Amino acid sequence: MPVHVLVLHAAVIFVPLLALGAVVYALAAPLRSRIGWAVGLLAVTAPVAALITMLSGTEFYNRLLSEERVSPAGKEILDGHMANGTLTFWLTLGLGVVALLMVALTFRDPRALPKAADLGFAVVLVVLAALSGYYLYRTGDSGATAVWGTY
């Protein structure tokens, strides 16, 4: 069984958890002291999981191509899947960096940021969380189409 098939489940779990945790952390200041450690941990774990998934997928793709096991239509689907996966990684990395920065700035004092900065972080985190979740879905859907689709 290819490594990609195994490790992708880590990204499927950790990316949505990071997205949810970051949004709650950004919007619910009273909860920050209780969930900051978890958001910080997820801000590191989710991008690493997405990176490992992307790299293992690239290796799997290259192996399939070298063994000539991909039809032209299948290659087109896999190319879209890989593009979505790459975008998912970069969005998750951005979400992780911004979430980690916000946690670092507010961990000791949840209200340490000026209101404008707090609002700015919240907007950026909500947008990155939504985009990460959306592209994670698109990546998974295109991957399922590549495996189970008829083409």
N, C-alpha and C. Protein backbone atom coordinates (compact mmCIF):
# COMPACT_ATOMS: atom_id res chain seq x y z
N MET A 1 0.85 -1.18 0.00
CA MET A 1 0.00 0.00 0.00
C MET A 1 0.90 1.24 0.00
N PRO A 2 0.60 2.20 -0.86
CA PRO A 2 1.41 3.42 -0.91
C PRO A 2 1.33 4.23 0.39
N VAL A 3 2.44 4.83 0.78
CA VAL A 3 2.49 5.65 1.99
C VAL A 3 1.45 6.77 1.93
N HIS A 4 1.26 7.34 0.77
CA HIS A 4 0.33 8.46 0.61
C HIS A 4 -1.07 8.10 1.11
N VAL A 5 -1.50 6.90 0.81
CA VAL A 5 -2.84 6.45 1.21
C VAL A 5 -2.96 6.41 2.73
N LEU A 6 -1.87 6.15 3.41
CA LEU A 6 -1.89 6.09 4.87
C LEU A 6 -1.78 7.47 5.51
N VAL A 7 -0.83 8.28 5.04
CA VAL A 7 -0.55 9.56 5.71
C VAL A 7 -1.58 10.64 5.40
N LEU A 8 -2.32 10.50 4.32
CA LEU A 8 -3.29 11.55 3.99
C LEU A 8 -4.34 11.70 5.08
N HIS A 9 -4.57 10.64 5.85
CA HIS A 9 -5.57 10.72 6.90
C HIS A 9 -5.15 11.67 8.02
N ALA A 10 -3.86 11.83 8.22
CA ALA A 10 -3.39 12.80 9.22
C ALA A 10 -3.78 14.22 8.80
N ALA A 11 -3.61 14.54 7.53
CA ALA A 11 -4.00 15.87 7.05
C ALA A 11 -5.51 16.05 7.13
N VAL A 12 -6.25 14.99 6.81
CA VAL A 12 -7.72 15.06 6.85
C VAL A 12 -8.21 15.33 8.27
N ILE A 13 -7.46 14.91 9.25
CA ILE A 13 -7.85 15.14 10.66
C ILE A 13 -7.31 16.48 11.16
N PHE A 14 -6.01 16.74 10.96
CA PHE A 14 -5.38 17.89 11.59
C PHE A 14 -5.68 19.23 10.93
N VAL A 15 -5.88 19.27 9.62
CA VAL A 15 -6.17 20.56 8.97
C VAL A 15 -7.52 21.12 9.43
N PRO A 16 -8.60 20.33 9.43
CA PRO A 16 -9.87 20.89 9.96
C PRO A 16 -9.80 21.23 11.44
N LEU A 17 -9.06 20.44 12.22
CA LEU A 17 -8.93 20.77 13.64
C LEU A 17 -8.20 22.10 13.83
N LEU A 18 -7.16 22.33 13.05
CA LEU A 18 -6.47 23.61 13.11
C LEU A 18 -7.40 24.74 12.69
N ALA A 19 -8.14 24.54 11.60
CA ALA A 19 -9.06 25.58 11.13
C ALA A 19 -10.08 25.92 12.22
N LEU A 20 -10.68 24.92 12.80
CA LEU A 20 -11.67 25.15 13.86
C LEU A 20 -11.03 25.81 15.08
N GLY A 21 -9.91 25.27 15.51
CA GLY A 21 -9.23 25.83 16.69
C GLY A 21 -8.80 27.27 16.48
N ALA A 22 -8.28 27.58 15.30
CA ALA A 22 -7.83 28.95 15.02
C ALA A 22 -8.99 29.92 15.00
N VAL A 23 -10.12 29.51 14.43
CA VAL A 23 -11.30 30.39 14.39
C VAL A 23 -11.82 30.62 15.80
N VAL A 24 -11.92 29.58 16.60
CA VAL A 24 -12.38 29.74 17.98
C VAL A 24 -11.41 30.61 18.76
N TYR A 25 -10.12 30.38 18.59
CA TYR A 25 -9.11 31.18 19.29
C TYR A 25 -9.23 32.66 18.91
N ALA A 26 -9.45 32.91 17.63
CA ALA A 26 -9.52 34.29 17.16
C ALA A 26 -10.79 34.99 17.62
N LEU A 27 -11.91 34.28 17.66
CA LEU A 27 -13.20 34.92 17.93
C LEU A 27 -13.65 34.86 19.39
N ALA A 28 -13.08 33.98 20.18
CA ALA A 28 -13.52 33.82 21.56
C ALA A 28 -12.35 34.08 22.51
N ALA A 29 -12.07 35.33 22.75
CA ALA A 29 -10.93 35.71 23.61
C ALA A 29 -10.98 35.06 24.99
N PRO A 30 -12.15 34.91 25.63
CA PRO A 30 -12.16 34.27 26.95
C PRO A 30 -11.67 32.82 26.95
N LEU A 31 -11.71 32.15 25.81
CA LEU A 31 -11.26 30.75 25.73
C LEU A 31 -9.78 30.62 25.41
N ARG A 32 -9.13 31.70 25.08
CA ARG A 32 -7.74 31.64 24.61
C ARG A 32 -6.80 30.98 25.61
N SER A 33 -6.95 31.29 26.87
CA SER A 33 -6.03 30.71 27.85
C SER A 33 -6.22 29.21 27.99
N ARG A 34 -7.39 28.70 27.67
CA ARG A 34 -7.67 27.27 27.78
C ARG A 34 -7.26 26.48 26.53
N ILE A 35 -7.36 27.09 25.36
CA ILE A 35 -7.11 26.33 24.12
C ILE A 35 -5.84 26.75 23.39
N GLY A 36 -5.12 27.73 23.91
CA GLY A 36 -3.93 28.22 23.23
C GLY A 36 -2.89 27.14 22.99
N TRP A 37 -2.67 26.27 23.95
CA TRP A 37 -1.69 25.20 23.79
C TRP A 37 -2.09 24.26 22.65
N ALA A 38 -3.38 23.95 22.55
CA ALA A 38 -3.85 23.04 21.50
C ALA A 38 -3.74 23.69 20.13
N VAL A 39 -4.10 24.96 20.03
CA VAL A 39 -3.99 25.66 18.75
C VAL A 39 -2.52 25.76 18.34
N GLY A 40 -1.65 26.04 19.29
CA GLY A 40 -0.22 26.10 18.99
C GLY A 40 0.31 24.76 18.49
N LEU A 41 -0.10 23.69 19.13
CA LEU A 41 0.32 22.35 18.71
C LEU A 41 -0.23 22.01 17.32
N LEU A 42 -1.49 22.33 17.08
CA LEU A 42 -2.09 22.08 15.77
C LEU A 42 -1.47 22.96 14.68
N ALA A 43 -1.04 24.17 15.06
CA ALA A 43 -0.42 25.09 14.08
C ALA A 43 0.89 24.53 13.55
N VAL A 44 1.50 23.63 14.28
CA VAL A 44 2.72 22.97 13.82
C VAL A 44 2.38 21.64 13.15
N THR A 45 1.50 20.87 13.77
CA THR A 45 1.17 19.52 13.31
C THR A 45 0.45 19.50 11.96
N ALA A 46 -0.53 20.37 11.77
CA ALA A 46 -1.33 20.34 10.54
C ALA A 46 -0.49 20.65 9.29
N PRO A 47 0.33 21.70 9.29
CA PRO A 47 1.17 21.93 8.10
C PRO A 47 2.16 20.80 7.84
N VAL A 48 2.70 20.21 8.91
CA VAL A 48 3.62 19.08 8.72
C VAL A 48 2.88 17.90 8.10
N ALA A 49 1.68 17.63 8.58
CA ALA A 49 0.87 16.54 8.01
C ALA A 49 0.55 16.83 6.54
N ALA A 50 0.20 18.07 6.23
CA ALA A 50 -0.10 18.44 4.85
C ALA A 50 1.14 18.31 3.97
N LEU A 51 2.30 18.69 4.49
CA LEU A 51 3.54 18.58 3.72
C LEU A 51 3.89 17.12 3.45
N ILE A 52 3.82 16.29 4.46
CA ILE A 52 4.13 14.86 4.28
C ILE A 52 3.16 14.24 3.28
N THR A 53 1.90 14.61 3.38
CA THR A 53 0.90 14.09 2.43
C THR A 53 1.23 14.54 1.01
N MET A 54 1.56 15.81 0.85
CA MET A 54 1.89 16.33 -0.48
C MET A 54 3.13 15.64 -1.05
N LEU A 55 4.17 15.51 -0.26
CA LEU A 55 5.41 14.89 -0.74
C LEU A 55 5.22 13.41 -1.07
N SER A 56 4.47 12.70 -0.23
CA SER A 56 4.23 11.29 -0.52
C SER A 56 3.34 11.13 -1.75
N GLY A 57 2.42 12.06 -1.95
CA GLY A 57 1.58 12.04 -3.15
C GLY A 57 2.40 12.28 -4.41
N THR A 58 3.36 13.17 -4.33
CA THR A 58 4.24 13.43 -5.47
C THR A 58 5.05 12.19 -5.82
N GLU A 59 5.56 11.53 -4.80
CA GLU A 59 6.31 10.29 -5.04
C GLU A 59 5.42 9.22 -5.67
N PHE A 60 4.21 9.08 -5.16
CA PHE A 60 3.27 8.10 -5.70
C PHE A 60 2.94 8.42 -7.15
N TYR A 61 2.68 9.69 -7.43
CA TYR A 61 2.37 10.14 -8.79
C TYR A 61 3.53 9.82 -9.75
N ASN A 62 4.75 10.14 -9.32
CA ASN A 62 5.92 9.87 -10.16
C ASN A 62 6.09 8.37 -10.42
N ARG A 63 5.82 7.57 -9.40
CA ARG A 63 5.92 6.12 -9.58
C ARG A 63 4.87 5.62 -10.57
N LEU A 64 3.64 6.12 -10.44
CA LEU A 64 2.59 5.71 -11.38
C LEU A 64 2.94 6.09 -12.81
N LEU A 65 3.49 7.29 -12.99
CA LEU A 65 3.89 7.72 -14.34
C LEU A 65 5.04 6.88 -14.89
N SER A 66 6.02 6.59 -14.05
CA SER A 66 7.17 5.82 -14.53
C SER A 66 6.78 4.39 -14.88
N GLU A 67 5.76 3.87 -14.22
CA GLU A 67 5.28 2.52 -14.52
C GLU A 67 4.20 2.53 -15.61
N GLU A 68 3.92 3.71 -16.14
CA GLU A 68 2.91 3.90 -17.20
C GLU A 68 1.56 3.30 -16.80
N ARG A 69 1.14 3.60 -15.57
CA ARG A 69 -0.13 3.08 -15.06
C ARG A 69 -1.23 4.14 -15.04
N VAL A 70 -1.02 5.24 -15.77
CA VAL A 70 -1.98 6.34 -15.76
C VAL A 70 -2.42 6.64 -17.18
N SER A 71 -3.72 6.66 -17.41
CA SER A 71 -4.25 7.04 -18.72
C SER A 71 -4.15 8.56 -18.88
N PRO A 72 -4.28 9.07 -20.10
CA PRO A 72 -4.26 10.53 -20.27
C PRO A 72 -5.35 11.23 -19.45
N ALA A 73 -6.55 10.66 -19.42
CA ALA A 73 -7.62 11.27 -18.61
C ALA A 73 -7.29 11.18 -17.13
N GLY A 74 -6.71 10.06 -16.72
CA GLY A 74 -6.31 9.91 -15.32
C GLY A 74 -5.22 10.89 -14.93
N LYS A 75 -4.28 11.13 -15.84
CA LYS A 75 -3.21 12.08 -15.56
C LYS A 75 -3.78 13.49 -15.36
N GLU A 76 -4.76 13.84 -16.17
CA GLU A 76 -5.39 15.16 -16.03
C GLU A 76 -6.06 15.30 -14.65
N ILE A 77 -6.75 14.26 -14.21
CA ILE A 77 -7.39 14.27 -12.89
C ILE A 77 -6.34 14.36 -11.80
N LEU A 78 -5.27 13.55 -11.94
CA LEU A 78 -4.21 13.58 -10.93
C LEU A 78 -3.48 14.91 -10.89
N ASP A 79 -3.30 15.54 -12.04
CA ASP A 79 -2.67 16.87 -12.06
C ASP A 79 -3.51 17.88 -11.29
N GLY A 80 -4.83 17.82 -11.47
CA GLY A 80 -5.72 18.70 -10.70
C GLY A 80 -5.66 18.39 -9.22
N HIS A 81 -5.61 17.10 -8.89
CA HIS A 81 -5.51 16.67 -7.50
C HIS A 81 -4.23 17.20 -6.86
N MET A 82 -3.14 17.11 -7.60
CA MET A 82 -1.86 17.59 -7.07
C MET A 82 -1.84 19.11 -6.91
N ALA A 83 -2.45 19.81 -7.84
CA ALA A 83 -2.53 21.27 -7.72
C ALA A 83 -3.35 21.66 -6.49
N ASN A 84 -4.46 20.98 -6.28
CA ASN A 84 -5.27 21.25 -5.08
C ASN A 84 -4.51 20.92 -3.80
N GLY A 85 -3.78 19.81 -3.82
CA GLY A 85 -3.00 19.42 -2.64
C GLY A 85 -1.90 20.41 -2.32
N THR A 86 -1.25 20.92 -3.35
CA THR A 86 -0.20 21.92 -3.14
C THR A 86 -0.79 23.19 -2.54
N LEU A 87 -1.91 23.62 -3.08
CA LEU A 87 -2.58 24.81 -2.55
C LEU A 87 -3.04 24.59 -1.11
N THR A 88 -3.54 23.40 -0.83
CA THR A 88 -3.94 23.07 0.54
C THR A 88 -2.76 23.19 1.49
N PHE A 89 -1.61 22.68 1.08
CA PHE A 89 -0.42 22.79 1.93
C PHE A 89 -0.07 24.25 2.21
N TRP A 90 0.01 25.08 1.17
CA TRP A 90 0.41 26.47 1.36
C TRP A 90 -0.60 27.24 2.21
N LEU A 91 -1.88 26.99 2.01
CA LEU A 91 -2.90 27.66 2.82
C LEU A 91 -2.82 27.19 4.28
N THR A 92 -2.59 25.90 4.48
CA THR A 92 -2.47 25.37 5.84
C THR A 92 -1.22 25.91 6.52
N LEU A 93 -0.14 26.02 5.76
CA LEU A 93 1.07 26.61 6.33
C LEU A 93 0.82 28.05 6.75
N GLY A 94 0.17 28.83 5.89
CA GLY A 94 -0.17 30.21 6.24
C GLY A 94 -1.06 30.28 7.47
N LEU A 95 -2.06 29.41 7.52
CA LEU A 95 -2.96 29.36 8.68
C LEU A 95 -2.17 29.02 9.94
N GLY A 96 -1.27 28.06 9.83
CA GLY A 96 -0.47 27.67 10.99
C GLY A 96 0.43 28.79 11.48
N VAL A 97 1.07 29.49 10.55
CA VAL A 97 1.98 30.58 10.93
C VAL A 97 1.20 31.71 11.60
N VAL A 98 0.08 32.11 11.02
CA VAL A 98 -0.71 33.21 11.59
C VAL A 98 -1.30 32.79 12.94
N ALA A 99 -1.78 31.56 13.04
CA ALA A 99 -2.34 31.08 14.32
C ALA A 99 -1.25 31.03 15.39
N LEU A 100 -0.08 30.53 15.03
CA LEU A 100 1.02 30.46 15.99
C LEU A 100 1.46 31.85 16.43
N LEU A 101 1.48 32.78 15.51
CA LEU A 101 1.84 34.16 15.85
C LEU A 101 0.81 34.76 16.81
N MET A 102 -0.46 34.54 16.54
CA MET A 102 -1.49 35.08 17.42
C MET A 102 -1.41 34.44 18.81
N VAL A 103 -1.19 33.14 18.85
CA VAL A 103 -1.05 32.46 20.15
C VAL A 103 0.14 33.02 20.90
N ALA A 104 1.27 33.21 20.22
CA ALA A 104 2.46 33.74 20.88
C ALA A 104 2.23 35.14 21.44
N LEU A 105 1.44 35.94 20.72
CA LEU A 105 1.21 37.31 21.17
C LEU A 105 0.15 37.44 22.25
N THR A 106 -0.71 36.44 22.38
CA THR A 106 -1.84 36.57 23.32
C THR A 106 -1.92 35.47 24.36
N PHE A 107 -0.97 34.56 24.39
CA PHE A 107 -1.07 33.40 25.28
C PHE A 107 -1.13 33.80 26.76
N ARG A 108 -0.27 34.70 27.18
CA ARG A 108 -0.25 35.12 28.59
C ARG A 108 -1.39 36.07 28.92
N ASP A 109 -1.73 36.94 28.00
CA ASP A 109 -2.82 37.90 28.18
C ASP A 109 -3.72 37.85 26.95
N PRO A 110 -4.87 37.18 27.03
CA PRO A 110 -5.75 37.03 25.87
C PRO A 110 -6.20 38.34 25.23
N ARG A 111 -6.10 39.42 25.96
CA ARG A 111 -6.52 40.72 25.43
C ARG A 111 -5.33 41.66 25.22
N ALA A 112 -4.16 41.07 24.95
CA ALA A 112 -2.93 41.86 24.81
C ALA A 112 -2.89 42.69 23.54
N LEU A 113 -3.59 42.27 22.52
CA LEU A 113 -3.55 42.98 21.24
C LEU A 113 -4.53 44.15 21.22
N PRO A 114 -4.16 45.23 20.55
CA PRO A 114 -5.14 46.29 20.33
C PRO A 114 -6.32 45.72 19.53
N LYS A 115 -7.49 46.35 19.68
CA LYS A 115 -8.70 45.84 19.02
C LYS A 115 -8.53 45.70 17.51
N ALA A 116 -7.87 46.66 16.89
CA ALA A 116 -7.69 46.59 15.43
C ALA A 116 -6.83 45.39 15.05
N ALA A 117 -5.77 45.13 15.80
CA ALA A 117 -4.90 43.99 15.51
C ALA A 117 -5.64 42.68 15.78
N ASP A 118 -6.40 42.64 16.85
CA ASP A 118 -7.19 41.45 17.18
C ASP A 118 -8.19 41.15 16.06
N LEU A 119 -8.85 42.19 15.58
CA LEU A 119 -9.80 42.04 14.48
C LEU A 119 -9.09 41.62 13.20
N GLY A 120 -7.94 42.19 12.92
CA GLY A 120 -7.16 41.82 11.73
C GLY A 120 -6.76 40.36 11.76
N PHE A 121 -6.25 39.90 12.91
CA PHE A 121 -5.90 38.49 13.05
C PHE A 121 -7.13 37.62 12.85
N ALA A 122 -8.24 38.02 13.43
CA ALA A 122 -9.47 37.23 13.32
C ALA A 122 -9.90 37.09 11.86
N VAL A 123 -9.87 38.18 11.13
CA VAL A 123 -10.28 38.15 9.72
C VAL A 123 -9.35 37.24 8.92
N VAL A 124 -8.05 37.40 9.11
CA VAL A 124 -7.08 36.59 8.37
C VAL A 124 -7.24 35.11 8.72
N LEU A 125 -7.41 34.81 10.00
CA LEU A 125 -7.55 33.41 10.41
C LEU A 125 -8.83 32.78 9.88
N VAL A 126 -9.93 33.52 9.91
CA VAL A 126 -11.19 32.97 9.39
C VAL A 126 -11.07 32.72 7.89
N VAL A 127 -10.49 33.65 7.16
CA VAL A 127 -10.34 33.48 5.70
C VAL A 127 -9.42 32.30 5.40
N LEU A 128 -8.26 32.22 6.07
CA LEU A 128 -7.34 31.11 5.82
C LEU A 128 -7.95 29.78 6.24
N ALA A 129 -8.70 29.76 7.33
CA ALA A 129 -9.35 28.52 7.77
C ALA A 129 -10.38 28.06 6.75
N ALA A 130 -11.18 29.00 6.24
CA ALA A 130 -12.19 28.64 5.23
C ALA A 130 -11.53 28.13 3.95
N LEU A 131 -10.49 28.81 3.49
CA LEU A 131 -9.80 28.39 2.27
C LEU A 131 -9.09 27.06 2.45
N SER A 132 -8.47 26.86 3.60
CA SER A 132 -7.80 25.58 3.87
C SER A 132 -8.81 24.44 3.85
N GLY A 133 -9.93 24.64 4.51
CA GLY A 133 -10.97 23.62 4.53
C GLY A 133 -11.53 23.34 3.15
N TYR A 134 -11.77 24.39 2.39
CA TYR A 134 -12.32 24.25 1.05
C TYR A 134 -11.36 23.47 0.15
N TYR A 135 -10.09 23.85 0.17
CA TYR A 135 -9.13 23.16 -0.70
C TYR A 135 -8.80 21.76 -0.19
N LEU A 136 -8.90 21.52 1.10
CA LEU A 136 -8.76 20.16 1.60
C LEU A 136 -9.89 19.29 1.03
N TYR A 137 -11.10 19.82 1.03
CA TYR A 137 -12.23 19.10 0.45
C TYR A 137 -12.00 18.85 -1.05
N ARG A 138 -11.61 19.89 -1.77
CA ARG A 138 -11.39 19.75 -3.22
C ARG A 138 -10.29 18.72 -3.51
N THR A 139 -9.25 18.73 -2.69
CA THR A 139 -8.17 17.77 -2.88
C THR A 139 -8.68 16.36 -2.66
N GLY A 140 -9.41 16.16 -1.59
CA GLY A 140 -9.94 14.83 -1.31
C GLY A 140 -10.92 14.36 -2.37
N ASP A 141 -11.76 15.28 -2.83
CA ASP A 141 -12.73 14.92 -3.86
C ASP A 141 -12.03 14.53 -5.17
N SER A 142 -11.04 15.30 -5.56
CA SER A 142 -10.33 14.96 -6.80
C SER A 142 -9.51 13.68 -6.64
N GLY A 143 -9.00 13.43 -5.44
CA GLY A 143 -8.29 12.17 -5.18
C GLY A 143 -9.23 10.98 -5.25
N ALA A 144 -10.41 11.13 -4.68
CA ALA A 144 -11.41 10.05 -4.76
C ALA A 144 -11.83 9.81 -6.20
N THR A 145 -11.96 10.88 -6.96
CA THR A 145 -12.31 10.74 -8.37
C THR A 145 -11.20 9.98 -9.12
N ALA A 146 -9.95 10.29 -8.77
CA ALA A 146 -8.82 9.61 -9.42
C ALA A 146 -8.82 8.12 -9.11
N VAL A 147 -9.21 7.76 -7.90
CA VAL A 147 -9.18 6.35 -7.49
C VAL A 147 -10.43 5.62 -7.95
N TRP A 148 -11.60 6.23 -7.73
CA TRP A 148 -12.85 5.52 -7.94
C TRP A 148 -13.63 5.94 -9.18
N GLY A 149 -13.17 7.00 -9.84
CA GLY A 149 -13.91 7.51 -10.99
C GLY A 149 -13.79 6.62 -12.21
N THR A 150 -14.67 6.85 -13.15
CA THR A 150 -14.59 6.13 -14.43
C THR A 150 -14.13 7.12 -15.49
N TYR A 151 -13.01 6.84 -16.09
CA TYR A 151 -12.43 7.72 -17.10
C TYR A 151 -11.58 6.91 -18.05
